[in-house]
Amino acid sequence: MVSLSSSDYPHLVELLKSLGPLRAEQRVTVSLPSLRADSFSVEVAGLAQGHQITLTFAPEAGSDRLRQAIGKQLLEEEILTAVEQAARCRFPRIKLYFMIGLPTEREEDLLMILTLVEKLRRRAKAAGGGVKFSAAVSAFVPKPQTPFQWEPMERLEGIRAKRSFLRDRLRRMGAEAGGQQEELSILEGVLARGDRRVGEAVFFAWQEGARLDGWSDHFSYARWQSALARCGLEPSFYLHRTRPQEEILPWSLVRFPAGPAYLWRERERAYSVPLPTNEAKG
């Protein structure tokens, strides 16, 4: 059952209960992949799938400050409470999604990813649940029609270094660590932020055998580099520069209800989110 936020549907509990006989008769399961990190979501996940599944939350960042900057209205205590309830409900696995390279990100924010995962592990253990944690860490891609469409994307070397740093420490903590391959994130950025010339590169990549690139065993970054070079395109032009507000963007011809003025104001709001008091004084 797909929705931007499934738990916002006011009759969700009744709906899931009504599907009970169908699930038993047809031997089917119900999945709710888009859930907030709150206690109610844990409850409905149990109704949907039973408790022998992986519960997925997306904190996105390790600190409340950075979540606020990117518009993620989710406090650390809400995440902790949701995980505590999941442990009490005997969910065996919890998967967490984080992004690196977010606008306004600092070294402290990366460390706070580790701190948050450790807090979650302790809260789950205290609740009596033998929960196994995994963390998917992937690069942030500034997407069109968002407040960060003018922002540069983290370079490949930076993505690789940050993911390696977090992956090693997460594994030492006993958490599984994964996430999208660095080169695939770079390609995602080119396809998301490129202009019409990228269309020809897609065709050349297809000619050279690009298929099912979302699967690591099929993906070849070299093949895409070759296709882009054949078109005279440099990924850094699309990815690694801050675009001025007045630049005409490739997607400017698409009308978007919010409009660029609103998006720019939201971008400025993100940069105005204050540091925690103790850091601001330092």
C-alpha atoms as a PDB file:
ATOM      1  CA  MET A   1       0.000   0.000   0.000  1.00  0.00           C
ATOM      2  CA  VAL A   2       1.903   2.987  -1.302  1.00  0.00           C
ATOM      3  CA  SER A   3       1.553   6.510   0.026  1.00  0.00           C
ATOM      4  CA  LEU A   4       3.812   9.424   0.843  1.00  0.00           C
ATOM      5  CA  SER A   5       2.856   8.915   4.485  1.00  0.00           C
ATOM      6  CA  SER A   6       0.637   5.892   5.018  1.00  0.00           C
ATOM      7  CA  SER A   7      -0.023   6.577   8.683  1.00  0.00           C
ATOM      8  CA  ASP A   8      -1.681   9.927   7.828  1.00  0.00           C
ATOM      9  CA  TYR A   9      -4.720   8.045   6.486  1.00  0.00           C
ATOM     10  CA  PRO A  10      -7.282   8.377   9.337  1.00  0.00           C
ATOM     11  CA  HIS A  11      -8.915   4.958   8.814  1.00  0.00           C
ATOM     12  CA  LEU A  12      -5.706   2.989   8.355  1.00  0.00           C
ATOM     13  CA  VAL A  13      -6.155   0.730  11.410  1.00  0.00           C
ATOM     14  CA  GLU A  14      -9.710  -0.202  10.406  1.00  0.00           C
ATOM     15  CA  LEU A  15      -8.576  -0.888   6.851  1.00  0.00           C
ATOM     16  CA  LEU A  16      -5.759  -3.189   7.937  1.00  0.00           C
ATOM     17  CA  LYS A  17      -8.036  -5.104  10.312  1.00  0.00           C
ATOM     18  CA  SER A  18     -10.620  -5.553   7.557  1.00  0.00           C
ATOM     19  CA  LEU A  19      -7.949  -7.088   5.321  1.00  0.00           C
ATOM     20  CA  GLY A  20      -7.216  -9.780   7.910  1.00  0.00           C
ATOM     21  CA  PRO A  21      -9.551 -12.455   6.480  1.00  0.00           C
ATOM     22  CA  LEU A  22      -8.315 -11.779   2.937  1.00  0.00           C
ATOM     23  CA  ARG A  23      -4.703 -12.161   4.048  1.00  0.00           C
ATOM     24  CA  ALA A  24      -5.447 -15.477   5.697  1.00  0.00           C
ATOM     25  CA  GLU A  25      -7.546 -16.803   2.820  1.00  0.00           C
ATOM     26  CA  GLN A  26      -5.309 -15.700  -0.045  1.00  0.00           C
ATOM     27  CA  ARG A  27      -2.031 -16.093   1.879  1.00  0.00           C
ATOM     28  CA  VAL A  28      -0.884 -12.588   1.013  1.00  0.00           C
ATOM     29  CA  THR A  29       0.945  -9.973   3.059  1.00  0.00           C
ATOM     30  CA  VAL A  30       0.347  -6.257   3.275  1.00  0.00           C
ATOM     31  CA  SER A  31       3.291  -3.875   3.198  1.00  0.00           C
ATOM     32  CA  LEU A  32       3.414  -0.234   4.311  1.00  0.00           C
ATOM     33  CA  PRO A  33       6.814   1.066   3.180  1.00  0.00           C
ATOM     34  CA  SER A  34       6.238   4.762   3.934  1.00  0.00           C
ATOM     35  CA  LEU A  35       5.944   5.182   7.691  1.00  0.00           C
ATOM     36  CA  ARG A  36       6.947   7.934  10.069  1.00  0.00           C
ATOM     37  CA  ALA A  37       9.195   7.148  13.008  1.00  0.00           C
ATOM     38  CA  ASP A  38       6.475   7.264  15.636  1.00  0.00           C
ATOM     39  CA  SER A  39       4.667   4.848  17.925  1.00  0.00           C
ATOM     40  CA  PHE A  40       1.497   4.770  15.836  1.00  0.00           C
ATOM     41  CA  SER A  41       3.495   3.693  12.781  1.00  0.00           C
ATOM     42  CA  VAL A  42       4.973   0.810  14.763  1.00  0.00           C
ATOM     43  CA  GLU A  43       1.444  -0.269  15.722  1.00  0.00           C
ATOM     44  CA  VAL A  44       0.137  -0.235  12.161  1.00  0.00           C
ATOM     45  CA  ALA A  45       3.242  -1.974  10.828  1.00  0.00           C
ATOM     46  CA  GLY A  46       2.483  -4.834  13.210  1.00  0.00           C
ATOM     47  CA  LEU A  47      -1.099  -4.972  11.963  1.00  0.00           C
ATOM     48  CA  ALA A  48       0.023  -4.922   8.339  1.00  0.00           C
ATOM     49  CA  GLN A  49       2.763  -7.489   8.294  1.00  0.00           C
ATOM     50  CA  GLY A  50       3.004  -9.119  11.654  1.00  0.00           C
ATOM     51  CA  HIS A  51       6.172  -8.608  13.632  1.00  0.00           C
ATOM     52  CA  GLN A  52       8.524 -10.902  11.725  1.00  0.00           C
ATOM     53  CA  ILE A  53       9.622  -8.232   9.281  1.00  0.00           C
ATOM     54  CA  THR A  54      12.134  -5.410   9.013  1.00  0.00           C
ATOM     55  CA  LEU A  55      10.826  -2.076  10.240  1.00  0.00           C
ATOM     56  CA  THR A  56      12.222   0.862   8.275  1.00  0.00           C
ATOM     57  CA  PHE A  57      12.725   4.438   9.484  1.00  0.00           C
ATOM     58  CA  ALA A  58      14.454   7.324   7.729  1.00  0.00           C
ATOM     59  CA  PRO A  59      16.048   9.783  10.180  1.00  0.00           C
ATOM     60  CA  GLU A  60      18.061  11.122   7.180  1.00  0.00           C
ATOM     61  CA  ALA A  61      20.513  12.941   9.487  1.00  0.00           C
ATOM     62  CA  GLY A  62      22.070  12.353  12.879  1.00  0.00           C
ATOM     63  CA  SER A  63      21.165  15.677  14.490  1.00  0.00           C
ATOM     64  CA  ASP A  64      17.897  17.514  15.100  1.00  0.00           C
ATOM     65  CA  ARG A  65      19.542  20.668  13.705  1.00  0.00           C
ATOM     66  CA  LEU A  66      20.338  19.129  10.342  1.00  0.00           C
ATOM     67  CA  ARG A  67      16.949  17.435  10.099  1.00  0.00           C
ATOM     68  CA  GLN A  68      15.342  20.804  10.724  1.00  0.00           C
ATOM     69  CA  ALA A  69      17.526  22.403   8.043  1.00  0.00           C
ATOM     70  CA  ILE A  70      16.373  19.922   5.390  1.00  0.00           C
ATOM     71  CA  GLY A  71      12.734  20.176   6.469  1.00  0.00           C
ATOM     72  CA  LYS A  72      12.558  16.768   8.165  1.00  0.00           C
ATOM     73  CA  GLN A  73      10.253  17.410  11.122  1.00  0.00           C
ATOM     74  CA  LEU A  74      11.433  14.502  13.233  1.00  0.00           C
ATOM     75  CA  LEU A  75      13.042  14.839  16.645  1.00  0.00           C
ATOM     76  CA  GLU A  76      15.542  12.412  18.118  1.00  0.00           C
ATOM     77  CA  GLU A  77      13.246  11.533  21.006  1.00  0.00           C
ATOM     78  CA  GLU A  78      10.490  10.556  18.555  1.00  0.00           C
ATOM     79  CA  ILE A  79      12.877   8.145  16.832  1.00  0.00           C
ATOM     80  CA  LEU A  80      14.005   6.708  20.157  1.00  0.00           C
ATOM     81  CA  THR A  81      10.413   6.209  21.324  1.00  0.00           C
ATOM     82  CA  ALA A  82       9.417   4.490  18.068  1.00  0.00           C
ATOM     83  CA  VAL A  83      12.377   2.110  18.279  1.00  0.00           C
ATOM     84  CA  GLU A  84      11.618   1.376  21.931  1.00  0.00           C
ATOM     85  CA  GLN A  85       8.058   0.402  21.042  1.00  0.00           C
ATOM     86  CA  ALA A  86       9.288  -1.683  18.121  1.00  0.00           C
ATOM     87  CA  ALA A  87      11.574  -3.573  20.499  1.00  0.00           C
ATOM     88  CA  ARG A  88       8.690  -4.187  22.905  1.00  0.00           C
ATOM     89  CA  CYS A  89       6.602  -5.469  19.995  1.00  0.00           C
ATOM     90  CA  ARG A  90       9.454  -7.874  19.176  1.00  0.00           C
ATOM     91  CA  PHE A  91      10.272  -6.576  15.727  1.00  0.00           C
ATOM     92  CA  PRO A  92      13.512  -8.427  14.927  1.00  0.00           C
ATOM     93  CA  ARG A  93      15.140  -5.912  12.588  1.00  0.00           C
ATOM     94  CA  ILE A  94      15.169  -2.147  12.137  1.00  0.00           C
ATOM     95  CA  LYS A  95      16.663  -0.463   9.088  1.00  0.00           C
ATOM     96  CA  LEU A  96      17.696   3.188   9.198  1.00  0.00           C
ATOM     97  CA  TYR A  97      18.264   5.466   6.220  1.00  0.00           C
ATOM     98  CA  PHE A  98      20.793   8.307   6.388  1.00  0.00           C
ATOM     99  CA  MET A  99      22.151  10.780   3.849  1.00  0.00           C
ATOM    100  CA  ILE A 100      25.594  12.330   3.672  1.00  0.00           C
ATOM    101  CA  GLY A 101      26.613  15.501   1.871  1.00  0.00           C
ATOM    102  CA  LEU A 102      23.515  17.396   2.993  1.00  0.00           C
ATOM    103  CA  PRO A 103      23.597  21.214   2.778  1.00  0.00           C
ATOM    104  CA  THR A 104      24.949  22.743   6.029  1.00  0.00           C
ATOM    105  CA  GLU A 105      26.397  19.352   7.059  1.00  0.00           C
ATOM    106  CA  ARG A 106      29.403  19.496   9.406  1.00  0.00           C
ATOM    107  CA  GLU A 107      31.769  16.844  10.720  1.00  0.00           C
ATOM    108  CA  GLU A 108      29.783  16.826  13.968  1.00  0.00           C
ATOM    109  CA  ASP A 109      26.674  15.760  12.046  1.00  0.00           C
ATOM    110  CA  LEU A 110      28.441  12.650  10.734  1.00  0.00           C
ATOM    111  CA  LEU A 111      29.530  11.725  14.239  1.00  0.00           C
ATOM    112  CA  MET A 112      25.983  12.212  15.456  1.00  0.00           C
ATOM    113  CA  ILE A 113      24.789   9.509  13.051  1.00  0.00           C
ATOM    114  CA  LEU A 114      26.931   7.096  15.033  1.00  0.00           C
ATOM    115  CA  THR A 115      25.724   8.554  18.322  1.00  0.00           C
ATOM    116  CA  LEU A 116      22.086   8.187  17.273  1.00  0.00           C
ATOM    117  CA  VAL A 117      22.501   4.559  16.193  1.00  0.00           C
ATOM    118  CA  GLU A 118      24.182   3.737  19.505  1.00  0.00           C
ATOM    119  CA  LYS A 119      21.367   5.434  21.444  1.00  0.00           C
ATOM    120  CA  LEU A 120      18.809   3.444  19.466  1.00  0.00           C
ATOM    121  CA  ARG A 121      20.613   0.172  20.154  1.00  0.00           C
ATOM    122  CA  ARG A 122      20.693   0.921  23.876  1.00  0.00           C
ATOM    123  CA  ARG A 123      17.023   1.955  23.985  1.00  0.00           C
ATOM    124  CA  ALA A 124      15.995  -1.223  22.152  1.00  0.00           C
ATOM    125  CA  LYS A 125      18.079  -3.382  24.475  1.00  0.00           C
ATOM    126  CA  ALA A 126      16.593  -1.719  27.551  1.00  0.00           C
ATOM    127  CA  ALA A 127      13.116  -2.453  26.185  1.00  0.00           C
ATOM    128  CA  GLY A 128      13.957  -6.139  26.125  1.00  0.00           C
ATOM    129  CA  GLY A 129      14.075  -6.630  22.378  1.00  0.00           C
ATOM    130  CA  GLY A 130      16.825  -8.438  20.517  1.00  0.00           C
ATOM    131  CA  VAL A 131      16.701  -6.009  17.623  1.00  0.00           C
ATOM    132  CA  LYS A 132      19.292  -6.124  14.866  1.00  0.00           C
ATOM    133  CA  PHE A 133      20.067  -2.772  13.282  1.00  0.00           C
ATOM    134  CA  SER A 134      21.201  -1.909   9.792  1.00  0.00           C
ATOM    135  CA  ALA A 135      22.010   1.524   8.435  1.00  0.00           C
ATOM    136  CA  ALA A 136      21.907   2.543   4.781  1.00  0.00           C
ATOM    137  CA  VAL A 137      24.151   5.554   4.167  1.00  0.00           C
ATOM    138  CA  SER A 138      23.858   7.170   0.738  1.00  0.00           C
ATOM    139  CA  ALA A 139      24.832  10.441  -0.902  1.00  0.00           C
ATOM    140  CA  PHE A 140      22.400  13.336  -0.986  1.00  0.00           C
ATOM    141  CA  VAL A 141      21.468  14.329  -4.543  1.00  0.00           C
ATOM    142  CA  PRO A 142      20.110  17.912  -4.798  1.00  0.00           C
ATOM    143  CA  LYS A 143      16.987  17.424  -6.891  1.00  0.00           C
ATOM    144  CA  PRO A 144      15.151  19.814  -9.233  1.00  0.00           C
ATOM    145  CA  GLN A 145      12.145  21.700  -7.874  1.00  0.00           C
ATOM    146  CA  THR A 146      13.455  21.532  -4.308  1.00  0.00           C
ATOM    147  CA  PRO A 147      15.058  24.224  -2.114  1.00  0.00           C
ATOM    148  CA  PHE A 148      18.480  22.688  -2.789  1.00  0.00           C
ATOM    149  CA  GLN A 149      18.298  22.659  -6.591  1.00  0.00           C
ATOM    150  CA  TRP A 150      20.985  25.373  -6.663  1.00  0.00           C
ATOM    151  CA  GLU A 151      23.357  23.460  -4.368  1.00  0.00           C
ATOM    152  CA  PRO A 152      26.453  21.489  -5.403  1.00  0.00           C
ATOM    153  CA  MET A 153      26.583  17.764  -4.784  1.00  0.00           C
ATOM    154  CA  GLU A 154      29.369  16.185  -2.761  1.00  0.00           C
ATOM    155  CA  ARG A 155      32.248  14.989  -4.947  1.00  0.00           C
ATOM    156  CA  LEU A 156      32.876  11.285  -5.433  1.00  0.00           C
ATOM    157  CA  GLU A 157      35.984  11.268  -3.251  1.00  0.00           C
ATOM    158  CA  GLY A 158      34.138  12.945  -0.391  1.00  0.00           C
ATOM    159  CA  ILE A 159      31.180  10.565  -0.629  1.00  0.00           C
ATOM    160  CA  ARG A 160      33.492   7.578  -0.619  1.00  0.00           C
ATOM    161  CA  ALA A 161      35.484   8.833   2.384  1.00  0.00           C
ATOM    162  CA  LYS A 162      32.406   9.639   4.471  1.00  0.00           C
ATOM    163  CA  ARG A 163      30.681   6.356   3.698  1.00  0.00           C
ATOM    164  CA  SER A 164      33.829   4.395   4.511  1.00  0.00           C
ATOM    165  CA  PHE A 165      34.237   6.270   7.803  1.00  0.00           C
ATOM    166  CA  LEU A 166      30.659   5.592   8.878  1.00  0.00           C
ATOM    167  CA  ARG A 167      30.513   2.045   7.551  1.00  0.00           C
ATOM    168  CA  ASP A 168      33.588   0.934   9.490  1.00  0.00           C
ATOM    169  CA  ARG A 169      32.348   2.381  12.774  1.00  0.00           C
ATOM    170  CA  LEU A 170      28.800   1.123  12.349  1.00  0.00           C
ATOM    171  CA  ARG A 171      30.083  -2.403  11.857  1.00  0.00           C
ATOM    172  CA  ARG A 172      32.231  -2.126  14.964  1.00  0.00           C
ATOM    173  CA  MET A 173      29.058  -1.213  16.847  1.00  0.00           C
ATOM    174  CA  GLY A 174      27.399  -4.395  15.621  1.00  0.00           C
ATOM    175  CA  ALA A 175      25.153  -2.742  13.018  1.00  0.00           C
ATOM    176  CA  GLU A 176      25.026  -3.781   9.394  1.00  0.00           C
ATOM    177  CA  ALA A 177      26.013  -0.998   7.007  1.00  0.00           C
ATOM    178  CA  GLY A 178      25.030  -0.470   3.401  1.00  0.00           C
ATOM    179  CA  GLY A 179      23.668   2.161   1.051  1.00  0.00           C
ATOM    180  CA  GLN A 180      23.813   3.172  -2.578  1.00  0.00           C
ATOM    181  CA  GLN A 181      27.098   2.748  -4.422  1.00  0.00           C
ATOM    182  CA  GLU A 182      28.962   6.064  -4.685  1.00  0.00           C
ATOM    183  CA  GLU A 183      29.298   6.044  -8.477  1.00  0.00           C
ATOM    184  CA  LEU A 184      25.600   5.247  -8.852  1.00  0.00           C
ATOM    185  CA  SER A 185      24.771   8.325  -6.761  1.00  0.00           C
ATOM    186  CA  ILE A 186      26.920  10.453  -9.078  1.00  0.00           C
ATOM    187  CA  LEU A 187      25.078   9.076 -12.101  1.00  0.00           C
ATOM    188  CA  GLU A 188      21.750   9.721 -10.370  1.00  0.00           C
ATOM    189  CA  GLY A 189      22.840  13.323  -9.914  1.00  0.00           C
ATOM    190  CA  VAL A 190      23.755  13.726 -13.578  1.00  0.00           C
ATOM    191  CA  LEU A 191      20.442  12.268 -14.745  1.00  0.00           C
ATOM    192  CA  ALA A 192      18.446  14.346 -12.237  1.00  0.00           C
ATOM    193  CA  ARG A 193      20.212  17.664 -12.854  1.00  0.00           C
ATOM    194  CA  GLY A 194      21.335  17.409 -16.457  1.00  0.00           C
ATOM    195  CA  ASP A 195      19.994  19.238 -19.506  1.00  0.00           C
ATOM    196  CA  ARG A 196      18.697  17.839 -22.785  1.00  0.00           C
ATOM    197  CA  ARG A 197      22.207  16.870 -23.896  1.00  0.00           C
ATOM    198  CA  VAL A 198      22.209  14.105 -21.297  1.00  0.00           C
ATOM    199  CA  GLY A 199      19.481  12.359 -23.306  1.00  0.00           C
ATOM    200  CA  GLU A 200      21.997  11.541 -26.024  1.00  0.00           C
ATOM    201  CA  ALA A 201      24.384  10.137 -23.423  1.00  0.00           C
ATOM    202  CA  VAL A 202      21.626   7.855 -22.128  1.00  0.00           C
ATOM    203  CA  PHE A 203      21.142   6.557 -25.660  1.00  0.00           C
ATOM    204  CA  PHE A 204      24.874   5.939 -26.113  1.00  0.00           C
ATOM    205  CA  ALA A 205      25.068   4.141 -22.761  1.00  0.00           C
ATOM    206  CA  TRP A 206      22.176   1.935 -23.845  1.00  0.00           C
ATOM    207  CA  GLN A 207      23.939   1.214 -27.128  1.00  0.00           C
ATOM    208  CA  GLU A 208      26.991   0.145 -25.141  1.00  0.00           C
ATOM    209  CA  GLY A 209      24.945  -2.311 -23.071  1.00  0.00           C
ATOM    210  CA  ALA A 210      23.617  -0.337 -20.091  1.00  0.00           C
ATOM    211  CA  ARG A 211      20.760  -2.335 -18.583  1.00  0.00           C
ATOM    212  CA  LEU A 212      19.290  -2.710 -15.076  1.00  0.00           C
ATOM    213  CA  ASP A 213      21.816  -0.228 -13.674  1.00  0.00           C
ATOM    214  CA  GLY A 214      20.086  -0.119 -10.300  1.00  0.00           C
ATOM    215  CA  TRP A 215      21.654  -3.534  -9.615  1.00  0.00           C
ATOM    216  CA  SER A 216      25.318  -3.375  -8.702  1.00  0.00           C
ATOM    217  CA  ASP A 217      26.200  -6.482 -10.708  1.00  0.00           C
ATOM    218  CA  HIS A 218      24.880  -4.781 -13.878  1.00  0.00           C
ATOM    219  CA  PHE A 219      26.090  -1.246 -13.260  1.00  0.00           C
ATOM    220  CA  SER A 220      29.228  -0.033 -15.019  1.00  0.00           C
ATOM    221  CA  TYR A 221      30.337   3.491 -14.172  1.00  0.00           C
ATOM    222  CA  ALA A 222      33.003   3.305 -16.879  1.00  0.00           C
ATOM    223  CA  ARG A 223      30.312   2.681 -19.489  1.00  0.00           C
ATOM    224  CA  TRP A 224      28.469   5.837 -18.442  1.00  0.00           C
ATOM    225  CA  GLN A 225      31.678   7.858 -18.291  1.00  0.00           C
ATOM    226  CA  SER A 226      32.368   6.789 -21.857  1.00  0.00           C
ATOM    227  CA  ALA A 227      28.853   7.755 -22.986  1.00  0.00           C
ATOM    228  CA  LEU A 228      29.088  11.187 -21.356  1.00  0.00           C
ATOM    229  CA  ALA A 229      32.546  11.804 -22.805  1.00  0.00           C
ATOM    230  CA  ARG A 230      31.272  10.832 -26.246  1.00  0.00           C
ATOM    231  CA  CYS A 231      28.773  13.724 -25.920  1.00  0.00           C
ATOM    232  CA  GLY A 232      31.443  16.099 -24.614  1.00  0.00           C
ATOM    233  CA  LEU A 233      29.750  16.305 -21.210  1.00  0.00           C
ATOM    234  CA  GLU A 234      31.500  16.742 -17.873  1.00  0.00           C
ATOM    235  CA  PRO A 235      29.542  15.553 -14.801  1.00  0.00           C
ATOM    236  CA  SER A 236      31.087  18.237 -12.589  1.00  0.00           C
ATOM    237  CA  PHE A 237      29.320  20.937 -14.633  1.00  0.00           C
ATOM    238  CA  TYR A 238      25.971  19.534 -13.533  1.00  0.00           C
ATOM    239  CA  LEU A 239      26.934  18.465 -10.038  1.00  0.00           C
ATOM    240  CA  HIS A 240      29.741  20.306  -8.312  1.00  0.00           C
ATOM    241  CA  ARG A 241      29.020  24.002  -8.571  1.00  0.00           C
ATOM    242  CA  THR A 242      26.684  26.348  -6.732  1.00  0.00           C
ATOM    243  CA  ARG A 243      24.246  27.786  -9.232  1.00  0.00           C
ATOM    244  CA  PRO A 244      23.316  31.463  -8.905  1.00  0.00           C
ATOM    245  CA  GLN A 245      19.684  32.263  -8.224  1.00  0.00           C
ATOM    246  CA  GLU A 246      19.295  33.941 -11.611  1.00  0.00           C
ATOM    247  CA  GLU A 247      20.597  30.965 -13.634  1.00  0.00           C
ATOM    248  CA  ILE A 248      18.061  29.465 -16.002  1.00  0.00           C
ATOM    249  CA  LEU A 249      17.924  25.841 -14.933  1.00  0.00           C
ATOM    250  CA  PRO A 250      17.290  22.959 -17.363  1.00  0.00           C
ATOM    251  CA  TRP A 251      13.981  22.233 -15.633  1.00  0.00           C
ATOM    252  CA  SER A 252      12.842  25.877 -15.433  1.00  0.00           C
ATOM    253  CA  LEU A 253      10.389  25.293 -18.280  1.00  0.00           C
ATOM    254  CA  VAL A 254       8.394  22.931 -16.036  1.00  0.00           C
ATOM    255  CA  ARG A 255       5.830  24.837 -14.002  1.00  0.00           C
ATOM    256  CA  PHE A 256       5.902  23.985 -10.305  1.00  0.00           C
ATOM    257  CA  PRO A 257       3.176  25.226  -7.905  1.00  0.00           C
ATOM    258  CA  ALA A 258       5.570  26.497  -5.234  1.00  0.00           C
ATOM    259  CA  GLY A 259       7.727  28.448  -7.676  1.00  0.00           C
ATOM    260  CA  PRO A 260      11.443  29.348  -7.517  1.00  0.00           C
ATOM    261  CA  ALA A 261      10.950  32.321  -5.164  1.00  0.00           C
ATOM    262  CA  TYR A 262       9.436  30.067  -2.498  1.00  0.00           C
ATOM    263  CA  LEU A 263      12.131  27.437  -2.985  1.00  0.00           C
ATOM    264  CA  TRP A 264      14.859  30.082  -2.615  1.00  0.00           C
ATOM    265  CA  ARG A 265      13.307  31.304   0.638  1.00  0.00           C
ATOM    266  CA  GLU A 266      13.275  27.733   1.935  1.00  0.00           C
ATOM    267  CA  ARG A 267      16.930  27.394   0.971  1.00  0.00           C
ATOM    268  CA  GLU A 268      17.734  30.519   2.975  1.00  0.00           C
ATOM    269  CA  ARG A 269      15.723  29.153   5.903  1.00  0.00           C
ATOM    270  CA  ALA A 270      17.851  25.990   5.873  1.00  0.00           C
ATOM    271  CA  TYR A 271      21.019  28.046   6.229  1.00  0.00           C
ATOM    272  CA  SER A 272      19.500  30.118   9.019  1.00  0.00           C
ATOM    273  CA  VAL A 273      18.839  27.179  11.364  1.00  0.00           C
ATOM    274  CA  PRO A 274      21.016  27.978  14.393  1.00  0.00           C
ATOM    275  CA  LEU A 275      23.678  25.731  15.843  1.00  0.00           C
ATOM    276  CA  PRO A 276      23.002  24.191  19.259  1.00  0.00           C
ATOM    277  CA  THR A 277      23.622  26.746  22.020  1.00  0.00           C
ATOM    278  CA  ASN A 278      26.815  25.141  23.312  1.00  0.00           C
ATOM    279  CA  GLU A 279      28.335  25.033  19.808  1.00  0.00           C
ATOM    280  CA  ALA A 280      27.243  28.564  18.956  1.00  0.00           C
ATOM    281  CA  LYS A 281      29.019  29.870  22.068  1.00  0.00           C
ATOM    282  CA  GLY A 282      32.170  27.975  21.165  1.00  0.00           C
END
